[in-house]
Amino acid sequence: MRVAAGQFAVTPVWRTNAQTCVAMMQQAEREGAALLVLPEALLARDDNDPDLSVKSAQPLDGAFCSRCWPRAGVTA
C-alpha cells in the first residue's frame, strides 16, 4: 500500500483548509497513494488563539467533512 503524508500550514479559516485537503487528496490519488495522512487539528489553527482548534470543531456530518468526503468516495 502506498501512503502519502500531507503537510501544510493550517490557517484560521476552515474553508481554506478544506480546499487544501481536497487538493492534497487529489494529488495523492494521482500519485497512486491509497492512504493520505494529514496533520492533527487541521480544521483551523491560529498561534494567537490556542483554543481555535477546539472552537472550530464540527460534527462528522458538518461542512468540513462534507467538502472532503466526496473526494474520498464517501457518500454519507
N, C-alpha and C. Protein backbone atom coordinates (compact mmCIF):
# COMPACT_ATOMS: atom_id res chain seq x y z
N MET A 1 0.84 -1.17 0.00
CA MET A 1 0.00 0.00 0.00
C MET A 1 0.88 1.24 0.00
N ARG A 2 0.59 2.14 -0.90
CA ARG A 2 1.33 3.40 -0.96
C ARG A 2 0.62 4.41 -0.05
N VAL A 3 1.40 5.05 0.82
CA VAL A 3 0.89 6.02 1.78
C VAL A 3 1.51 7.38 1.48
N ALA A 4 0.69 8.42 1.53
CA ALA A 4 1.17 9.79 1.34
C ALA A 4 1.01 10.56 2.65
N ALA A 5 1.98 11.40 2.94
CA ALA A 5 1.90 12.28 4.10
C ALA A 5 1.66 13.70 3.60
N GLY A 6 0.58 14.29 4.07
CA GLY A 6 0.25 15.65 3.66
C GLY A 6 0.60 16.62 4.77
N GLN A 7 1.40 17.61 4.46
CA GLN A 7 1.79 18.61 5.45
C GLN A 7 1.52 19.98 4.86
N PHE A 8 0.85 20.82 5.61
CA PHE A 8 0.59 22.18 5.14
C PHE A 8 0.40 23.10 6.34
N ALA A 9 0.53 24.39 6.10
CA ALA A 9 0.33 25.38 7.15
C ALA A 9 -1.17 25.60 7.33
N VAL A 10 -1.71 25.08 8.42
CA VAL A 10 -3.14 25.20 8.70
C VAL A 10 -3.45 26.66 9.00
N THR A 11 -4.50 27.18 8.37
CA THR A 11 -4.91 28.57 8.56
C THR A 11 -6.05 28.66 9.57
N PRO A 12 -6.42 29.86 9.99
CA PRO A 12 -7.57 30.02 10.88
C PRO A 12 -8.92 29.81 10.17
N VAL A 13 -8.91 29.66 8.84
CA VAL A 13 -10.14 29.58 8.06
C VAL A 13 -10.38 28.13 7.62
N TRP A 14 -11.40 27.49 8.18
CA TRP A 14 -11.62 26.07 7.90
C TRP A 14 -11.92 25.81 6.43
N ARG A 15 -12.59 26.74 5.74
CA ARG A 15 -12.91 26.53 4.32
C ARG A 15 -11.63 26.44 3.48
N THR A 16 -10.67 27.29 3.79
CA THR A 16 -9.38 27.25 3.10
C THR A 16 -8.68 25.93 3.36
N ASN A 17 -8.71 25.46 4.59
CA ASN A 17 -8.06 24.20 4.95
C ASN A 17 -8.76 23.02 4.28
N ALA A 18 -10.07 23.08 4.15
CA ALA A 18 -10.80 22.01 3.46
C ALA A 18 -10.39 21.96 1.99
N GLN A 19 -10.26 23.12 1.35
CA GLN A 19 -9.82 23.17 -0.05
C GLN A 19 -8.42 22.58 -0.19
N THR A 20 -7.55 22.90 0.75
CA THR A 20 -6.19 22.36 0.73
C THR A 20 -6.23 20.84 0.88
N CYS A 21 -7.05 20.34 1.78
CA CYS A 21 -7.15 18.89 1.98
C CYS A 21 -7.63 18.20 0.71
N VAL A 22 -8.65 18.76 0.06
CA VAL A 22 -9.15 18.16 -1.18
C VAL A 22 -8.07 18.16 -2.25
N ALA A 23 -7.33 19.25 -2.37
CA ALA A 23 -6.24 19.31 -3.35
C ALA A 23 -5.17 18.27 -3.04
N MET A 24 -4.86 18.08 -1.77
CA MET A 24 -3.87 17.07 -1.38
C MET A 24 -4.39 15.66 -1.65
N MET A 25 -5.68 15.45 -1.44
CA MET A 25 -6.28 14.15 -1.74
C MET A 25 -6.17 13.85 -3.23
N GLN A 26 -6.43 14.85 -4.05
CA GLN A 26 -6.33 14.67 -5.50
C GLN A 26 -4.89 14.35 -5.91
N GLN A 27 -3.94 15.06 -5.34
CA GLN A 27 -2.53 14.81 -5.66
C GLN A 27 -2.11 13.42 -5.21
N ALA A 28 -2.50 13.03 -4.01
CA ALA A 28 -2.14 11.71 -3.50
C ALA A 28 -2.73 10.62 -4.39
N GLU A 29 -3.96 10.82 -4.83
CA GLU A 29 -4.60 9.84 -5.72
C GLU A 29 -3.86 9.74 -7.05
N ARG A 30 -3.51 10.90 -7.62
CA ARG A 30 -2.76 10.91 -8.89
C ARG A 30 -1.44 10.16 -8.77
N GLU A 31 -0.83 10.23 -7.59
CA GLU A 31 0.47 9.60 -7.38
C GLU A 31 0.35 8.17 -6.86
N GLY A 32 -0.87 7.64 -6.84
CA GLY A 32 -1.07 6.23 -6.52
C GLY A 32 -1.18 5.90 -5.04
N ALA A 33 -1.38 6.89 -4.20
CA ALA A 33 -1.50 6.61 -2.76
C ALA A 33 -2.89 6.07 -2.44
N ALA A 34 -2.93 5.08 -1.58
CA ALA A 34 -4.20 4.52 -1.11
C ALA A 34 -4.62 5.15 0.22
N LEU A 35 -3.68 5.82 0.88
CA LEU A 35 -3.94 6.44 2.18
C LEU A 35 -3.20 7.76 2.25
N LEU A 36 -3.89 8.81 2.67
CA LEU A 36 -3.28 10.12 2.88
C LEU A 36 -3.39 10.45 4.36
N VAL A 37 -2.27 10.72 4.99
CA VAL A 37 -2.23 11.07 6.41
C VAL A 37 -2.04 12.59 6.50
N LEU A 38 -2.97 13.24 7.22
CA LEU A 38 -2.94 14.69 7.35
C LEU A 38 -2.65 15.09 8.79
N PRO A 39 -2.23 16.35 9.01
CA PRO A 39 -1.90 16.79 10.37
C PRO A 39 -3.12 16.84 11.28
N GLU A 40 -2.86 16.73 12.56
CA GLU A 40 -3.93 16.87 13.54
C GLU A 40 -4.38 18.33 13.61
N ALA A 41 -5.56 18.55 14.13
CA ALA A 41 -6.12 19.90 14.32
C ALA A 41 -6.09 20.70 13.03
N LEU A 42 -6.45 20.07 11.92
CA LEU A 42 -6.33 20.76 10.64
C LEU A 42 -7.55 21.57 10.27
N LEU A 43 -8.61 21.51 11.06
CA LEU A 43 -9.79 22.31 10.76
C LEU A 43 -9.45 23.79 10.76
N ALA A 44 -8.80 24.24 11.82
CA ALA A 44 -8.39 25.65 11.92
C ALA A 44 -7.37 25.77 13.04
N ARG A 45 -6.42 26.64 12.84
CA ARG A 45 -5.39 26.85 13.85
C ARG A 45 -4.89 28.28 13.74
N ASP A 46 -4.60 28.86 14.89
CA ASP A 46 -4.05 30.22 14.94
C ASP A 46 -3.17 30.31 16.18
N ASP A 47 -1.91 30.63 16.00
CA ASP A 47 -0.99 30.73 17.14
C ASP A 47 -1.44 31.79 18.14
N ASN A 48 -2.20 32.78 17.69
CA ASN A 48 -2.68 33.83 18.59
C ASN A 48 -3.95 33.44 19.33
N ASP A 49 -4.54 32.31 18.97
CA ASP A 49 -5.76 31.82 19.62
C ASP A 49 -5.62 30.31 19.80
N PRO A 50 -4.96 29.88 20.86
CA PRO A 50 -4.70 28.45 21.05
C PRO A 50 -5.96 27.60 21.19
N ASP A 51 -7.10 28.21 21.46
CA ASP A 51 -8.35 27.46 21.59
C ASP A 51 -9.12 27.34 20.28
N LEU A 52 -8.60 27.93 19.21
CA LEU A 52 -9.34 27.93 17.94
C LEU A 52 -9.62 26.53 17.43
N SER A 53 -8.68 25.61 17.58
CA SER A 53 -8.91 24.24 17.11
C SER A 53 -10.14 23.63 17.77
N VAL A 54 -10.28 23.85 19.06
CA VAL A 54 -11.44 23.31 19.79
C VAL A 54 -12.70 24.07 19.42
N LYS A 55 -12.61 25.39 19.33
CA LYS A 55 -13.79 26.21 18.99
C LYS A 55 -14.28 25.93 17.57
N SER A 56 -13.41 25.44 16.70
CA SER A 56 -13.78 25.17 15.31
C SER A 56 -14.31 23.77 15.08
N ALA A 57 -14.38 22.99 16.12
CA ALA A 57 -14.83 21.59 15.98
C ALA A 57 -16.19 21.52 15.29
N GLN A 58 -16.35 20.49 14.46
CA GLN A 58 -17.60 20.27 13.74
C GLN A 58 -17.96 18.79 13.86
N PRO A 59 -19.25 18.47 13.71
CA PRO A 59 -19.65 17.06 13.71
C PRO A 59 -19.16 16.38 12.44
N LEU A 60 -19.14 15.06 12.44
CA LEU A 60 -18.68 14.32 11.27
C LEU A 60 -19.50 14.62 10.02
N ASP A 61 -20.76 14.98 10.20
CA ASP A 61 -21.58 15.32 9.04
C ASP A 61 -21.63 16.84 8.82
N GLY A 62 -20.66 17.56 9.40
CA GLY A 62 -20.58 19.01 9.25
C GLY A 62 -19.99 19.42 7.91
N ALA A 63 -19.86 20.71 7.74
CA ALA A 63 -19.44 21.29 6.46
C ALA A 63 -18.03 20.87 6.04
N PHE A 64 -17.09 20.78 6.99
CA PHE A 64 -15.71 20.44 6.63
C PHE A 64 -15.65 19.05 6.00
N CYS A 65 -16.15 18.06 6.72
CA CYS A 65 -16.11 16.68 6.20
C CYS A 65 -16.96 16.53 4.95
N SER A 66 -18.07 17.26 4.89
CA SER A 66 -18.93 17.19 3.71
C SER A 66 -18.21 17.67 2.46
N ARG A 67 -17.24 18.56 2.62
CA ARG A 67 -16.45 19.02 1.47
C ARG A 67 -15.37 18.01 1.09
N CYS A 68 -14.86 17.29 2.07
CA CYS A 68 -13.75 16.36 1.82
C CYS A 68 -14.22 14.96 1.43
N TRP A 69 -15.29 14.49 2.02
CA TRP A 69 -15.72 13.11 1.82
C TRP A 69 -15.99 12.72 0.36
N PRO A 70 -16.66 13.56 -0.43
CA PRO A 70 -16.91 13.14 -1.81
C PRO A 70 -15.62 12.81 -2.56
N ARG A 71 -14.56 13.55 -2.29
CA ARG A 71 -13.28 13.28 -2.95
C ARG A 71 -12.73 11.93 -2.54
N ALA A 72 -13.06 11.51 -1.31
CA ALA A 72 -12.59 10.22 -0.80
C ALA A 72 -13.55 9.09 -1.16
N GLY A 73 -14.63 9.42 -1.85
CA GLY A 73 -15.59 8.39 -2.24
C GLY A 73 -16.60 8.05 -1.16
N VAL A 74 -16.68 8.87 -0.12
CA VAL A 74 -17.64 8.63 0.96
C VAL A 74 -18.96 9.30 0.59
N THR A 75 -20.03 8.56 0.71
CA THR A 75 -21.36 9.11 0.41
C THR A 75 -22.26 8.95 1.61
N ALA A 76 -21.97 9.69 2.66
CA ALA A 76 -22.76 9.59 3.89
C ALA A 76 -23.84 10.63 3.92
